Amino acid sequence: MVQLDQNEKNFLKICRHFRAMLDTPVIQNDEKERKKCMRSAVLYLILSPYDNEQSDLLHRMLGERALECIPTFK
């Protein structure tokens, strides 16, 4: 899904895909992969065009504990 949305340059959807991956037990149990997914989600969220959805998702992500493990991106 990420590759498909990368071709279409739909960055907000890519961010949502990475956030969905963060909820899986495999990613939650692997700190390296969790950081990688969180970084990708943040970067694609920033790349997405500003609108109400992007703003809402940005504020929700700021409150997530997983963001604290990558302080540079907070």
Protein backbone atom coordinates (compact mmCIF):
# COMPACT_ATOMS: atom_id res chain seq x y z
CA MET A 1 0.00 0.00 0.00
CA VAL A 2 2.87 2.36 0.79
CA GLN A 3 4.44 1.82 -2.64
CA LEU A 4 1.12 2.37 -4.38
CA ASP A 5 0.52 5.65 -2.57
CA GLN A 6 4.12 6.73 -3.18
CA ASN A 7 3.46 6.45 -6.91
CA GLU A 8 0.37 8.61 -6.47
CA LYS A 9 2.24 11.02 -4.13
CA ASN A 10 -0.49 10.71 -1.49
CA PHE A 11 1.64 11.43 1.57
CA LEU A 12 -1.18 11.56 4.10
CA LYS A 13 -2.27 8.03 3.20
CA ILE A 14 1.33 6.83 3.47
CA CYS A 15 1.51 8.34 6.94
CA ARG A 16 -1.64 6.46 7.91
CA HIS A 17 -0.17 3.21 6.59
CA PHE A 18 2.93 3.63 8.74
CA ARG A 19 0.74 4.44 11.76
CA ALA A 20 -1.22 1.24 11.11
CA MET A 21 2.04 -0.69 11.01
CA LEU A 22 2.95 0.82 14.39
CA ASP A 23 -0.08 -0.88 15.92
CA THR A 24 1.05 -4.38 14.97
CA PRO A 25 2.67 -6.58 17.66
CA VAL A 26 5.69 -7.30 15.44
CA ILE A 27 6.58 -3.62 15.24
CA GLN A 28 5.70 -2.93 18.89
CA ASN A 29 8.12 -5.62 20.06
CA ASP A 30 11.05 -4.40 17.93
CA GLU A 31 12.35 -1.02 19.07
CA LYS A 32 14.42 -0.42 15.92
CA GLU A 33 11.44 -1.05 13.62
CA ARG A 34 9.14 1.01 15.86
CA LYS A 35 11.47 4.01 15.58
CA LYS A 36 11.76 3.52 11.82
CA CYS A 37 7.98 3.43 11.35
CA MET A 38 7.45 6.44 13.59
CA ARG A 39 10.09 8.46 11.71
CA SER A 40 8.49 7.57 8.39
CA ALA A 41 5.02 8.46 9.64
CA VAL A 42 6.23 11.86 10.87
CA LEU A 43 8.11 12.66 7.68
CA TYR A 44 5.22 11.73 5.40
CA LEU A 45 2.83 13.69 7.60
CA ILE A 46 5.02 16.77 7.21
CA LEU A 47 5.22 16.27 3.44
CA SER A 48 1.45 16.06 3.09
CA PRO A 49 -0.39 19.23 2.09
CA TYR A 50 -1.93 21.24 4.90
CA ASP A 51 -5.62 20.67 5.49
CA ASN A 52 -7.90 19.76 8.41
CA GLU A 53 -6.99 16.07 8.29
CA GLN A 54 -3.27 16.78 8.28
CA SER A 55 -3.58 19.23 11.15
CA ASP A 56 -5.69 16.82 13.21
CA LEU A 57 -3.30 13.93 12.64
CA LEU A 58 -0.33 16.14 13.51
CA HIS A 59 -1.84 17.08 16.86
CA ARG A 60 -2.74 13.46 17.63
CA MET A 61 0.79 12.29 16.82
CA LEU A 62 2.33 14.92 19.08
CA GLY A 63 0.63 13.22 22.02
CA GLU A 64 1.92 9.72 21.26
CA ARG A 65 4.48 8.13 23.55
CA ALA A 66 6.33 6.54 20.63
CA LEU A 67 7.33 10.01 19.46
CA GLU A 68 9.34 10.50 22.66
CA CYS A 69 11.84 7.82 21.57
CA ILE A 70 12.84 9.98 18.58
CA PRO A 71 13.19 13.50 20.09
CA THR A 72 14.69 14.99 16.92
CA PHE A 73 11.39 14.45 15.12
CA LYS A 74 9.26 15.88 17.92
